[in-house]
């Protein structure tokens, strides 16, 4: 994996490599290697011994070629030859693509199993190069060997395929994702459309590692997460790796991505050590980008679970008969309130979890007397969303109630929403912001192009979308706004939003980059690079002074000539009651 390096432009860091350790070198490694769970009974159990044998070969190659397998080196060329020989012998269609724009021109290795529809492709990739400092057995022999053994087992079993499976091993990741970027740029629009998902595996055997999944709550991640969930692992979002490995090249092209990782130079927390084992306060991989990243730097338990999880995903996505059509339903926010005579709204989102998209009819149950629930539109194609409007009459029952929102298609799926009805007469309150989680496109927001985005360069707080203002590292201004009407006669008017500020500025005293919140021409709050923090913080503003008015809420991010600052906003609410 590539180290995080700030740039003068958009400072999106490149994913840092993860390392692994043989059983016996850490507390986590001492855990017995688990067999495949019942959940994945249809998928093969990948032999971790075979995966480790490939790692031994890669280590031997590095030892015989100056101690590394750096892109463009003799060690890298020999690594490609080893992989290619195994894949060709197994019956794969194998292509070497020379990355001519790489710092060290050398081959990307592409292997496609020649079964399944050619226009329905799921792709699994890992970078094959190491840094010059060492043999790169965790970073990223672990991901490369995991995919090689999965490819060989798929060929050996030769099952009926519902989708085509393509494997890739990338050149030049350590120099800035160069090989994967070259590959994606070489694809036509039609070829990109054939790619239904890309899964990346970068450092999946770190000695003090954890269990991380890229975009863990996404539909794309579902099969990877399902396997680890079946083991009770409780995986987390791969925040260390966002924008720093080859999945970023595909995400930038609009291709859905996910993948496993075990961690690189970040420190394991006490909570993580409590549920996963290992040493709190120590790096996931203390040999990251060092000469000690050898076969002794591998956690066999984590490696085994990653290899079996890849097999489960392949079998779920691409093997067998026609997959069952299924979908999910969620509501955001999950709760709201409305005064008698008032309304509140929420967004109902659906996703296709397997098979093909289908029509989903929306309905609600559990509303109290005097409360009605409607949906616009009343039915969606799975993957779409609708606005749920909850209206309380002047005589509605007061209290807190659970409303069950149900989607009906080939099966039924549901989610719950907590509604509080208050008796404040004359106040048509509720939650007034539309699409506050940004999951339903841009409406009713007005924003600078690209601000509302699912880019993985900065994580959303919930879901996949958020509003990302600035982050370019050059003079730039972004805006985000929405008009709302605040009813009169209510006792509270609270605008709340979650804000994450990420900056490359080094000053502790000068606000070079600023985000302002305005109502009309009045500035209510100002934030800057001096407020940068690692996660989201909720901010709130009292809008009681604007009761009875229609106002425009506007966030403006202004960035100076150098060193980026990103202002990322998610889960906006305006609660009136």
Protein backbone atom coordinates (compact mmCIF):
# COMPACT_ATOMS: atom_id res chain seq x y z
CA UNK A 1 0.00 0.00 0.00
CA UNK A 2 1.03 3.54 -0.62
CA UNK A 3 1.85 5.99 2.17
CA UNK A 4 -0.36 9.04 2.74
CA UNK A 5 1.31 12.04 1.11
CA UNK A 6 -0.14 15.60 1.01
CA UNK A 7 -0.25 17.34 -2.34
CA UNK A 8 -0.69 20.95 -3.38
CA UNK A 9 -3.93 19.96 -5.08
CA UNK A 10 -6.74 17.83 -3.77
CA UNK A 11 -5.16 16.08 -0.77
CA UNK A 12 -6.75 12.67 -1.04
CA UNK A 13 -4.32 10.25 0.53
CA UNK A 14 -3.38 6.98 -1.02
CA UNK A 15 -4.12 3.80 0.94
CA UNK A 16 -1.36 2.63 3.30
CA UNK A 17 -0.28 -1.00 3.21
CA UNK A 18 -1.21 -3.58 5.80
CA UNK A 19 1.07 -6.34 7.25
CA UNK A 20 0.55 -9.82 8.76
CA UNK A 21 2.20 -12.33 11.11
CA UNK A 22 2.48 -16.10 11.41
CA UNK A 23 0.62 -17.84 14.23
CA UNK A 24 2.64 -17.48 17.39
CA UNK A 25 4.09 -14.00 16.74
CA UNK A 26 1.20 -12.12 18.39
CA UNK A 27 -1.75 -12.69 20.69
CA UNK A 28 -4.13 -12.48 17.75
CA UNK A 29 -2.04 -14.93 15.74
CA UNK A 30 -2.37 -17.55 18.45
CA UNK A 31 -6.07 -17.94 17.73
CA UNK A 32 -6.79 -21.24 15.94
CA UNK A 33 -7.58 -20.86 12.25
CA UNK A 34 -11.36 -21.11 11.92
CA UNK A 35 -13.04 -23.31 9.36
CA UNK A 36 -15.53 -21.86 6.90
CA UNK A 37 -18.89 -21.20 8.63
CA UNK A 38 -22.18 -22.79 7.72
CA UNK A 39 -23.18 -19.52 6.06
CA UNK A 40 -20.70 -20.20 3.27
CA UNK A 41 -21.39 -23.91 2.93
CA UNK A 42 -21.69 -23.60 -0.86
CA UNK A 43 -18.33 -21.87 -1.15
CA UNK A 44 -15.02 -23.76 -0.88
CA UNK A 45 -12.75 -23.52 2.14
CA UNK A 46 -9.55 -21.88 0.90
CA UNK A 47 -6.42 -23.53 2.31
CA UNK A 48 -4.43 -20.95 4.24
CA UNK A 49 -1.45 -23.32 3.95
CA UNK A 50 -1.60 -22.95 0.16
CA UNK A 51 -1.87 -19.16 0.45
CA UNK A 52 1.21 -19.14 2.70
CA UNK A 53 3.07 -21.30 0.18
CA UNK A 54 2.55 -18.55 -2.43
CA UNK A 55 3.87 -16.04 0.12
CA UNK A 56 6.98 -18.17 0.61
CA UNK A 57 7.57 -18.09 -3.16
CA UNK A 58 7.21 -14.30 -3.25
CA UNK A 59 9.63 -13.97 -0.32
CA UNK A 60 12.13 -16.22 -2.11
CA UNK A 61 11.78 -14.10 -5.25
CA UNK A 62 12.52 -10.95 -3.26
CA UNK A 63 15.52 -12.53 -1.52
CA UNK A 64 17.01 -13.47 -4.89
CA UNK A 65 16.46 -10.00 -6.36
CA UNK A 66 17.93 -7.45 -4.00
CA UNK A 67 15.49 -8.00 -1.15
CA UNK A 68 12.38 -6.45 -2.73
CA UNK A 69 9.74 -6.70 -5.44
CA UNK A 70 9.51 -3.00 -6.25
CA UNK A 71 7.53 -2.04 -9.38
CA UNK A 72 9.64 -2.40 -12.53
CA UNK A 73 12.38 -4.38 -10.74
CA UNK A 74 13.61 -7.90 -11.46
CA UNK A 75 11.78 -9.01 -8.32
CA UNK A 76 8.51 -7.61 -9.65
CA UNK A 77 9.01 -9.21 -13.08
CA UNK A 78 9.65 -12.60 -11.43
CA UNK A 79 6.52 -12.15 -9.28
CA UNK A 80 4.42 -11.55 -12.40
CA UNK A 81 5.93 -14.63 -14.04
CA UNK A 82 5.12 -16.80 -11.01
CA UNK A 83 1.48 -15.66 -10.95
CA UNK A 84 1.09 -15.90 -14.72
CA UNK A 85 2.42 -19.46 -14.90
CA UNK A 86 -0.03 -20.68 -12.25
CA UNK A 87 -2.99 -18.95 -13.88
CA UNK A 88 -2.28 -20.09 -17.42
CA UNK A 89 -1.87 -23.67 -16.26
CA UNK A 90 -5.29 -23.43 -14.57
CA UNK A 91 -7.01 -22.32 -17.80
CA UNK A 92 -7.34 -18.57 -17.35
CA UNK A 93 -7.24 -16.06 -20.17
CA UNK A 94 -4.19 -14.10 -19.03
CA UNK A 95 -3.06 -10.68 -20.29
CA UNK A 96 -0.03 -8.61 -19.39
CA UNK A 97 -0.79 -4.90 -19.80
CA UNK A 98 2.29 -2.68 -19.74
CA UNK A 99 1.67 0.49 -17.75
CA UNK A 100 3.56 2.94 -19.94
CA UNK A 101 2.75 5.94 -17.73
CA UNK A 102 4.00 4.30 -14.53
CA UNK A 103 7.14 5.64 -12.86
CA UNK A 104 8.55 2.14 -13.38
CA UNK A 105 6.87 0.78 -16.56
CA UNK A 106 5.93 -2.85 -16.00
CA UNK A 107 2.97 -5.19 -16.33
CA UNK A 108 -0.45 -5.23 -14.80
CA UNK A 109 -1.48 -8.90 -14.82
CA UNK A 110 -5.13 -9.56 -15.75
CA UNK A 111 -6.66 -13.05 -15.56
CA UNK A 112 -10.27 -13.77 -16.58
CA UNK A 113 -12.12 -17.01 -16.01
CA UNK A 114 -13.73 -17.62 -19.44
CA UNK A 115 -17.19 -18.55 -18.13
CA UNK A 116 -20.29 -16.43 -17.47
CA UNK A 117 -21.69 -13.43 -19.38
CA UNK A 118 -18.93 -11.15 -20.68
CA UNK A 119 -21.01 -8.03 -20.00
CA UNK A 120 -21.54 -8.90 -16.30
CA UNK A 121 -18.12 -8.79 -14.63
CA UNK A 122 -17.07 -8.74 -10.97
CA UNK A 123 -13.40 -7.94 -10.49
CA UNK A 124 -11.00 -8.78 -7.67
CA UNK A 125 -7.66 -6.97 -7.46
CA UNK A 126 -4.51 -6.55 -5.38
CA UNK A 127 -1.24 -4.73 -5.98
CA UNK A 128 1.71 -7.03 -6.59
CA UNK A 129 4.55 -4.55 -6.03
CA UNK A 130 6.42 -3.89 -2.79
CA UNK A 131 8.38 -0.85 -1.68
CA UNK A 132 12.16 -0.85 -2.19
CA UNK A 133 12.77 -1.30 1.55
CA UNK A 134 11.62 -4.91 1.78
CA UNK A 135 9.96 -7.97 0.22
CA UNK A 136 6.40 -6.76 0.91
CA UNK A 137 4.89 -10.02 2.10
CA UNK A 138 2.01 -8.49 4.03
CA UNK A 139 2.08 -5.38 1.81
CA UNK A 140 0.92 -6.76 -0.47
CA UNK A 141 1.90 -10.35 -0.98
CA UNK A 142 -0.99 -11.20 1.35
CA UNK A 143 -3.64 -9.74 -0.95
CA UNK A 144 -1.92 -11.08 -4.08
CA UNK A 145 -1.55 -14.63 -2.74
CA UNK A 146 -5.13 -14.63 -1.41
CA UNK A 147 -6.49 -13.84 -4.87
CA UNK A 148 -4.16 -16.31 -6.62
CA UNK A 149 -5.32 -19.23 -4.48
CA UNK A 150 -8.97 -18.22 -4.91
CA UNK A 151 -8.47 -18.09 -8.67
CA UNK A 152 -6.90 -21.56 -8.69
CA UNK A 153 -9.72 -23.06 -6.58
CA UNK A 154 -12.37 -21.48 -8.84
CA UNK A 155 -10.72 -23.05 -11.87
CA UNK A 156 -10.38 -26.42 -10.13
CA UNK A 157 -14.06 -26.54 -9.18
CA UNK A 158 -15.23 -25.06 -12.51
CA UNK A 159 -18.79 -24.27 -11.34
CA UNK A 160 -21.63 -22.83 -13.41
CA UNK A 161 -21.16 -19.05 -13.53
CA UNK A 162 -23.88 -16.38 -13.42
CA UNK A 163 -21.32 -13.58 -13.78
CA UNK A 164 -17.79 -13.42 -15.14
CA UNK A 165 -14.92 -13.19 -12.67
CA UNK A 166 -11.78 -11.19 -13.46
CA UNK A 167 -8.66 -11.03 -11.28
CA UNK A 168 -5.95 -8.37 -11.45
CA UNK A 169 -2.53 -7.79 -9.92
CA UNK A 170 -1.36 -4.17 -10.18
CA UNK A 171 1.97 -2.53 -10.93
CA UNK A 172 3.00 0.80 -9.39
CA UNK A 173 0.54 1.05 -6.50
CA UNK A 174 3.28 2.25 -4.18
CA UNK A 175 4.05 5.15 -6.53
CA UNK A 176 0.46 6.43 -6.47
CA UNK A 177 -2.00 3.75 -7.71
CA UNK A 178 -0.42 4.10 -11.14
CA UNK A 179 -1.13 0.65 -12.59
CA UNK A 180 -4.80 0.50 -11.65
CA UNK A 181 -5.32 4.08 -12.81
CA UNK A 182 -3.73 3.19 -16.17
CA UNK A 183 -5.99 0.15 -16.52
CA UNK A 184 -9.21 2.02 -15.72
CA UNK A 185 -8.27 4.83 -18.12
CA UNK A 186 -7.71 2.24 -20.86
CA UNK A 187 -11.31 1.00 -20.65
CA UNK A 188 -14.02 2.33 -22.94
CA UNK A 189 -17.28 3.57 -21.47
CA UNK A 190 -18.90 0.28 -22.55
CA UNK A 191 -16.19 -1.79 -20.86
CA UNK A 192 -16.55 0.20 -17.65
CA UNK A 193 -20.29 -0.48 -17.80
CA UNK A 194 -19.60 -4.22 -17.83
CA UNK A 195 -17.85 -3.94 -14.44
CA UNK A 196 -20.55 -4.40 -11.80
CA UNK A 197 -18.16 -4.23 -8.84
CA UNK A 198 -14.46 -4.07 -7.99
CA UNK A 199 -13.08 -5.64 -4.79
CA UNK A 200 -9.63 -4.65 -3.49
CA UNK A 201 -7.40 -6.61 -1.09
CA UNK A 202 -4.42 -4.71 0.30
CA UNK A 203 -2.68 -6.04 3.43
CA UNK A 204 -5.01 -8.75 4.71
CA UNK A 205 -2.71 -10.47 7.22
CA UNK A 206 -1.32 -7.76 9.52
CA UNK A 207 0.32 -9.26 12.63
CA UNK A 208 -1.59 -7.05 15.10
CA UNK A 209 -4.33 -6.53 12.59
CA UNK A 210 -8.04 -5.87 12.61
CA UNK A 211 -10.97 -6.64 10.36
CA UNK A 212 -11.76 -3.72 8.08
CA UNK A 213 -14.06 -3.46 5.05
CA UNK A 214 -14.07 -0.67 2.48
CA UNK A 215 -17.51 1.04 2.42
CA UNK A 216 -18.70 -1.52 4.98
CA UNK A 217 -22.38 -0.45 4.88
CA UNK A 218 -22.65 -0.46 1.07
CA UNK A 219 -24.53 -3.03 -0.99
CA UNK A 220 -21.25 -3.92 -2.71
CA UNK A 221 -19.68 -4.84 0.64
CA UNK A 222 -22.61 -7.05 1.68
CA UNK A 223 -21.12 -10.49 0.82
CA UNK A 224 -17.76 -9.66 2.42
CA UNK A 225 -19.47 -8.41 5.56
CA UNK A 226 -21.91 -11.33 5.67
CA UNK A 227 -19.05 -13.82 5.87
CA UNK A 228 -17.21 -11.99 8.68
CA UNK A 229 -20.52 -11.35 10.47
CA UNK A 230 -21.09 -15.12 10.47
CA UNK A 231 -17.87 -15.48 12.47
CA UNK A 232 -18.94 -12.82 14.97
CA UNK A 233 -15.99 -10.62 14.00
CA UNK A 234 -17.80 -7.24 14.05
CA UNK A 235 -15.81 -5.62 11.17
CA UNK A 236 -15.33 -1.86 10.95
CA UNK A 237 -15.03 0.72 8.17
CA UNK A 238 -11.55 0.91 6.63
CA UNK A 239 -10.98 4.59 7.45
CA UNK A 240 -7.19 4.29 7.28
CA UNK A 241 -7.33 3.09 3.70
CA UNK A 242 -9.80 5.53 2.16
CA UNK A 243 -8.44 6.89 -1.11
CA UNK A 244 -5.11 5.14 -0.62
CA UNK A 245 -5.31 1.91 -2.61
CA UNK A 246 -6.35 0.69 -6.04
CA UNK A 247 -10.09 0.67 -5.34
CA UNK A 248 -9.86 4.48 -5.54
CA UNK A 249 -9.04 4.28 -9.27
CA UNK A 250 -12.28 2.38 -9.87
CA UNK A 251 -14.41 4.50 -7.55
CA UNK A 252 -13.31 7.61 -9.46
CA UNK A 253 -14.76 5.99 -12.59
CA UNK A 254 -18.13 5.40 -10.90
CA UNK A 255 -17.61 1.66 -10.39
CA UNK A 256 -18.91 0.29 -7.04
CA UNK A 257 -16.06 -0.87 -4.79
CA UNK A 258 -15.31 -2.67 -1.55
CA UNK A 259 -12.62 -4.96 -0.13
CA UNK A 260 -10.88 -6.32 2.96
CA UNK A 261 -7.92 -4.87 4.88
CA UNK A 262 -6.22 -5.64 8.20
CA UNK A 263 -4.57 -2.29 8.91
CA UNK A 264 -1.18 -0.67 8.37
CA UNK A 265 0.54 1.96 10.52
CA UNK A 266 -2.50 3.11 12.50
CA UNK A 267 -2.76 2.10 16.16
CA UNK A 268 -5.10 -0.62 17.47
CA UNK A 269 -7.55 0.77 20.03
CA UNK A 270 -8.46 -0.85 23.32
CA UNK A 271 -11.97 -1.55 22.01
CA UNK A 272 -10.55 -3.29 18.92
CA UNK A 273 -8.15 -5.37 21.00
CA UNK A 274 -11.07 -6.31 23.22
CA UNK A 275 -13.10 -7.80 20.39
CA UNK A 276 -10.33 -8.98 18.01
CA UNK A 277 -7.37 -9.73 20.26
CA UNK A 278 -3.88 -8.36 19.78
CA UNK A 279 -2.14 -5.45 21.47
CA UNK A 280 -3.86 -2.12 22.11
CA UNK A 281 -1.70 0.97 21.53
CA UNK A 282 0.49 -0.78 18.94
CA UNK A 283 0.45 -0.49 15.15
CA UNK A 284 -1.53 -3.02 13.17
CA UNK A 285 1.71 -3.74 11.29
CA UNK A 286 4.96 -2.58 12.88
CA UNK A 287 6.86 -3.82 9.79
CA UNK A 288 4.85 -1.70 7.36
CA UNK A 289 7.16 -0.64 4.48
CA UNK A 290 10.20 -2.16 6.22
CA UNK A 291 12.70 -4.95 5.57
CA UNK A 292 11.01 -7.07 8.26
CA UNK A 293 7.85 -7.45 6.13
CA UNK A 294 8.67 -11.11 5.45
CA UNK A 295 6.80 -14.40 5.85
CA UNK A 296 7.32 -13.95 9.60
CA UNK A 297 5.07 -10.89 9.46
CA UNK A 298 1.83 -12.74 8.70
CA UNK A 299 -1.18 -13.38 10.95
CA UNK A 300 -2.48 -16.72 9.68
CA UNK A 301 -5.89 -16.36 11.34
CA UNK A 302 -6.72 -13.05 9.67
CA UNK A 303 -5.25 -14.29 6.37
CA UNK A 304 -7.43 -17.40 6.46
CA UNK A 305 -10.59 -15.43 7.20
CA UNK A 306 -9.86 -13.02 4.37
CA UNK A 307 -9.21 -15.84 1.89
CA UNK A 308 -12.42 -17.66 2.83
CA UNK A 309 -14.37 -14.38 2.72
CA UNK A 310 -13.18 -13.80 -0.85
CA UNK A 311 -14.38 -17.28 -1.82
CA UNK A 312 -17.75 -16.65 -0.19
CA UNK A 313 -18.12 -13.38 -2.12
CA UNK A 314 -17.21 -15.04 -5.44
CA UNK A 315 -19.74 -17.80 -4.89
CA UNK A 316 -22.45 -15.38 -3.76
CA UNK A 317 -21.91 -12.99 -6.66
CA UNK A 318 -21.00 -15.15 -9.60
CA UNK A 319 -21.55 -18.89 -9.03
CA UNK A 320 -24.63 -21.11 -9.29
CA UNK A 321 -28.08 -20.73 -10.73
CA UNK A 322 -30.09 -17.56 -11.12
CA UNK A 323 -29.65 -15.53 -7.92
CA UNK A 324 -32.73 -14.78 -5.81
CA UNK A 325 -33.99 -11.23 -6.23
CA UNK A 326 -33.94 -9.43 -2.90
CA UNK A 327 -33.80 -5.90 -1.53
CA UNK A 328 -33.47 -3.89 1.69
CA UNK A 329 -35.42 -0.96 3.17
CA UNK A 330 -34.11 1.78 5.49
CA UNK A 331 -35.46 5.08 6.86
CA UNK A 332 -33.40 8.22 7.53
CA UNK A 333 -33.66 9.80 10.00
CA UNK A 334 -34.99 6.95 12.10
CA UNK A 335 -37.09 9.21 14.32
CA UNK A 336 -38.96 12.52 14.19
CA UNK A 337 -41.65 14.55 15.84
CA UNK A 338 -44.73 16.45 14.72
CA UNK A 339 -47.01 18.72 16.68
CA UNK A 340 -50.77 18.40 16.27
CA UNK A 341 -51.60 20.08 12.97
CA UNK A 342 -48.02 19.63 11.74
CA UNK A 343 -45.97 17.30 9.57
CA UNK A 344 -42.55 15.68 9.51
CA UNK A 345 -40.68 13.93 6.72
CA UNK A 346 -38.06 11.23 6.26
CA UNK A 347 -36.35 9.48 3.36
CA UNK A 348 -37.11 5.82 2.67
CA UNK A 349 -34.23 4.20 0.77
CA UNK A 350 -34.12 0.80 -0.91
CA UNK A 351 -31.22 -1.23 -2.29
CA UNK A 352 -30.93 -4.37 -4.42
CA UNK A 353 -29.08 -6.88 -2.24
CA UNK A 354 -29.09 -9.81 -4.68
CA UNK A 355 -30.34 -10.66 -8.13
CA UNK A 356 -32.06 -8.02 -10.22
CA UNK A 357 -33.79 -4.77 -9.33
CA UNK A 358 -37.54 -5.03 -8.76
CA UNK A 359 -40.57 -2.86 -8.06
CA UNK A 360 -41.07 -2.20 -4.35
CA UNK A 361 -44.45 -0.91 -3.09
CA UNK A 362 -44.21 1.14 0.12
CA UNK A 363 -46.68 1.09 3.01
CA UNK A 364 -46.77 1.95 6.71
CA UNK A 365 -48.42 0.47 9.80
CA UNK A 366 -48.61 1.47 13.44
CA UNK A 367 -49.55 5.15 13.06
CA UNK A 368 -51.71 6.40 15.97
CA UNK A 369 -55.21 7.83 15.65
CA UNK A 370 -55.21 11.07 13.67
CA UNK A 371 -51.86 10.45 11.97
CA UNK A 372 -51.50 9.56 8.27
CA UNK A 373 -48.39 8.38 6.43
CA UNK A 374 -47.86 8.86 2.69
CA UNK A 375 -45.02 8.16 0.27
CA UNK A 376 -43.88 10.06 -2.81
CA UNK A 377 -43.59 8.07 -4.98
CA UNK A 378 -45.63 5.24 -3.54
CA UNK A 379 -43.49 2.61 -5.27
CA UNK A 380 -39.84 2.60 -6.38
CA UNK A 381 -37.45 0.34 -8.24
CA UNK A 382 -35.08 -1.17 -5.66
CA UNK A 383 -32.11 1.12 -5.47
CA UNK A 384 -34.41 4.16 -5.44
CA UNK A 385 -35.85 6.23 -2.62
CA UNK A 386 -39.05 8.03 -1.66
CA UNK A 387 -40.07 10.82 0.70
CA UNK A 388 -42.24 9.71 3.60
CA UNK A 389 -44.57 12.42 4.93
CA UNK A 390 -46.17 11.96 8.36
CA UNK A 391 -49.13 14.29 9.00
CA UNK A 392 -50.71 14.81 12.42
CA UNK A 393 -54.26 16.19 12.60
CA UNK A 394 -55.34 18.73 15.23
CA UNK A 395 -56.84 15.88 17.26
CA UNK A 396 -54.04 13.32 16.79
CA UNK A 397 -53.13 11.10 19.73
CA UNK A 398 -50.03 12.39 21.51
CA UNK A 399 -47.05 10.32 22.64
CA UNK A 400 -44.30 8.28 21.01
CA UNK A 401 -45.19 5.54 18.54
CA UNK A 402 -43.34 3.00 16.37
CA UNK A 403 -44.28 3.09 12.69
CA UNK A 404 -43.28 0.09 10.58
CA UNK A 405 -42.36 0.99 6.99
CA UNK A 406 -42.71 -2.00 4.67
CA UNK A 407 -41.53 -2.57 1.12
CA UNK A 408 -43.36 -5.28 -0.79
CA UNK A 409 -41.88 -6.93 -3.87
CA UNK A 410 -40.97 -10.58 -4.47
CA UNK A 411 -40.66 -10.62 -0.68
CA UNK A 412 -41.27 -8.07 2.08
CA UNK A 413 -38.65 -6.04 3.92
CA UNK A 414 -39.26 -3.44 6.61
CA UNK A 415 -37.70 -0.77 8.82
CA UNK A 416 -39.00 1.11 11.86
CA UNK A 417 -39.49 4.83 12.48
CA UNK A 418 -40.12 6.39 15.90
CA UNK A 419 -42.72 9.18 15.80
CA UNK A 420 -43.41 11.59 18.65
CA UNK A 421 -46.66 13.57 18.45
CA UNK A 422 -46.83 16.65 20.70
CA UNK A 423 -49.85 18.66 21.72
CA UNK A 424 -48.37 22.12 21.09
CA UNK A 425 -51.35 23.87 19.51
CA UNK A 426 -50.75 26.18 16.58
CA UNK A 427 -47.26 24.82 15.88
CA UNK A 428 -46.98 22.87 12.64
CA UNK A 429 -43.60 21.44 13.65
CA UNK A 430 -41.46 18.50 12.64
CA UNK A 431 -38.25 17.91 10.75
CA UNK A 432 -38.14 20.42 7.89
CA UNK A 433 -34.93 19.66 5.97
CA UNK A 434 -35.44 17.60 2.84
CA UNK A 435 -32.92 14.87 1.96
CA UNK A 436 -30.78 15.79 4.96
CA UNK A 437 -28.60 12.67 4.57
CA UNK A 438 -27.99 13.42 0.84
CA UNK A 439 -28.85 9.83 -0.09
CA UNK A 440 -31.65 10.85 -2.51
CA UNK A 441 -29.65 12.88 -5.03
CA UNK A 442 -29.41 16.66 -5.02
CA UNK A 443 -33.09 17.64 -4.64
CA UNK A 444 -34.07 19.91 -2.83
CA UNK A 445 -30.52 21.16 -2.35
CA UNK A 446 -28.75 23.73 -4.51
CA UNK A 447 -25.02 23.08 -4.58
CA UNK A 448 -21.82 23.64 -6.53
CA UNK A 449 -21.13 20.79 -8.97
CA UNK A 450 -19.65 17.76 -7.25
CA UNK A 451 -20.40 18.87 -3.70
CA UNK A 452 -23.05 16.19 -3.05
CA UNK A 453 -21.05 13.04 -3.68
CA UNK A 454 -20.42 9.40 -2.74
CA UNK A 455 -16.67 9.73 -3.37
CA UNK A 456 -14.69 7.59 -0.94
CA UNK A 457 -12.01 10.27 -0.52
CA UNK A 458 -13.90 11.55 2.52
CA UNK A 459 -16.31 9.21 4.37
CA UNK A 460 -19.99 9.92 4.87
CA UNK A 461 -21.14 9.85 8.49
CA UNK A 462 -24.02 7.56 7.53
CA UNK A 463 -24.90 5.96 4.21
CA UNK A 464 -22.74 6.71 1.15
CA UNK A 465 -23.46 10.34 0.29
CA UNK A 466 -22.52 13.61 1.98
CA UNK A 467 -21.78 17.23 1.01
CA UNK A 468 -18.03 17.77 0.54
CA UNK A 469 -17.08 21.42 0.17
CA UNK A 470 -13.58 22.40 -0.95
CA UNK A 471 -10.56 20.10 -0.48
CA UNK A 472 -8.78 21.20 -3.67
CA UNK A 473 -5.70 22.91 -2.26
CA UNK A 474 -6.19 25.89 -4.59
CA UNK A 475 -8.34 29.02 -4.48
CA UNK A 476 -11.86 27.62 -4.56
CA UNK A 477 -15.39 28.35 -3.36
CA UNK A 478 -18.20 25.80 -2.88
CA UNK A 479 -21.77 26.43 -1.72
CA UNK A 480 -24.64 24.33 -0.42
CA UNK A 481 -28.13 25.72 0.28
CA UNK A 482 -31.78 24.86 0.88
CA UNK A 483 -34.86 27.05 1.38
CA UNK A 484 -37.25 26.20 4.21
CA UNK A 485 -40.38 27.69 5.70
CA UNK A 486 -40.36 27.91 9.51
CA UNK A 487 -43.87 27.79 11.02
CA UNK A 488 -44.85 30.28 13.69
CA UNK A 489 -45.91 29.41 17.20
CA UNK A 490 -43.38 26.70 18.02
CA UNK A 491 -41.18 26.59 21.11
CA UNK A 492 -37.95 25.37 19.50
CA UNK A 493 -36.24 25.74 16.13
CA UNK A 494 -32.97 23.80 16.05
CA UNK A 495 -30.82 23.42 12.96
CA UNK A 496 -28.31 20.61 13.50
CA UNK A 497 -25.73 19.06 11.22
CA UNK A 498 -22.65 16.86 11.49
CA UNK A 499 -19.40 18.44 10.31
CA UNK A 500 -16.01 16.85 9.64
CA UNK A 501 -13.08 19.14 8.88
CA UNK A 502 -9.93 17.64 7.37
CA UNK A 503 -6.96 19.88 6.55
CA UNK A 504 -3.38 19.83 5.29
CA UNK A 505 -2.72 23.26 6.85
CA UNK A 506 -0.06 23.15 9.58
CA UNK A 507 -0.81 26.42 11.36
CA UNK A 508 -2.36 26.49 14.83
CA UNK A 509 -3.23 30.18 14.70
CA UNK A 510 -4.36 31.30 11.22
CA UNK A 511 -7.74 30.53 9.65
CA UNK A 512 -6.75 30.22 6.00
CA UNK A 513 -9.80 28.24 4.85
CA UNK A 514 -13.30 28.97 6.14
CA UNK A 515 -16.83 27.59 6.14
CA UNK A 516 -19.67 29.99 6.94
CA UNK A 517 -23.32 29.25 7.68
CA UNK A 518 -25.77 31.98 6.73
CA UNK A 519 -29.50 32.63 6.86
CA UNK A 520 -30.04 35.11 4.07
CA UNK A 521 -27.19 37.60 4.48
CA UNK A 522 -26.74 36.97 8.20
CA UNK A 523 -23.78 34.81 9.24
CA UNK A 524 -24.73 32.42 12.04
CA UNK A 525 -21.50 30.43 12.42
CA UNK A 526 -17.97 30.24 11.02
CA UNK A 527 -15.58 27.27 11.03
CA UNK A 528 -12.04 26.98 9.66
CA UNK A 529 -8.98 24.79 9.30
CA UNK A 530 -8.32 25.52 12.98
CA UNK A 531 -11.36 23.37 13.83
CA UNK A 532 -10.03 20.27 12.03
CA UNK A 533 -10.63 16.98 13.85
CA UNK A 534 -10.48 13.27 13.09
CA UNK A 535 -14.22 12.60 13.06
CA UNK A 536 -17.60 14.25 12.75
CA UNK A 537 -18.88 16.71 15.36
CA UNK A 538 -22.51 17.78 15.60
CA UNK A 539 -23.11 21.52 15.30
CA UNK A 540 -26.40 23.24 16.11
CA UNK A 541 -27.89 26.71 15.64
CA UNK A 542 -31.07 28.24 17.08
CA UNK A 543 -33.31 29.63 14.32
CA UNK A 544 -36.13 30.84 16.60
CA UNK A 545 -35.58 34.41 15.37
CA UNK A 546 -36.81 33.37 11.90
CA UNK A 547 -40.13 31.80 12.98
CA UNK A 548 -42.89 32.42 10.45
CA UNK A 549 -40.43 33.16 7.63
CA UNK A 550 -39.20 31.38 4.51
CA UNK A 551 -35.41 31.50 4.64
CA UNK A 552 -32.44 30.12 2.72
CA UNK A 553 -29.83 28.21 4.71
CA UNK A 554 -26.46 28.46 3.00
CA UNK A 555 -23.06 26.98 3.72
CA UNK A 556 -20.12 28.58 1.87
CA UNK A 557 -16.63 27.07 1.86
CA UNK A 558 -13.77 29.31 0.77
CA UNK A 559 -10.28 27.85 0.30
CA UNK A 560 -7.06 29.82 -0.22
CA UNK A 561 -4.26 29.22 -2.72
CA UNK A 562 -2.56 26.19 -1.14
CA UNK A 563 -2.95 23.27 1.27
CA UNK A 564 -6.41 21.77 1.18
CA UNK A 565 -9.14 21.94 3.78
CA UNK A 566 -12.21 19.75 3.33
CA UNK A 567 -15.51 20.68 4.99
CA UNK A 568 -17.76 17.58 4.97
CA UNK A 569 -21.41 17.91 6.03
CA UNK A 570 -23.88 15.07 6.66
CA UNK A 571 -27.22 14.33 8.38
CA UNK A 572 -28.71 17.83 8.39
CA UNK A 573 -31.95 18.34 10.37
CA UNK A 574 -34.12 21.33 11.24
CA UNK A 575 -36.31 20.17 14.12
CA UNK A 576 -39.24 22.43 14.99
CA UNK A 577 -41.61 21.72 17.85
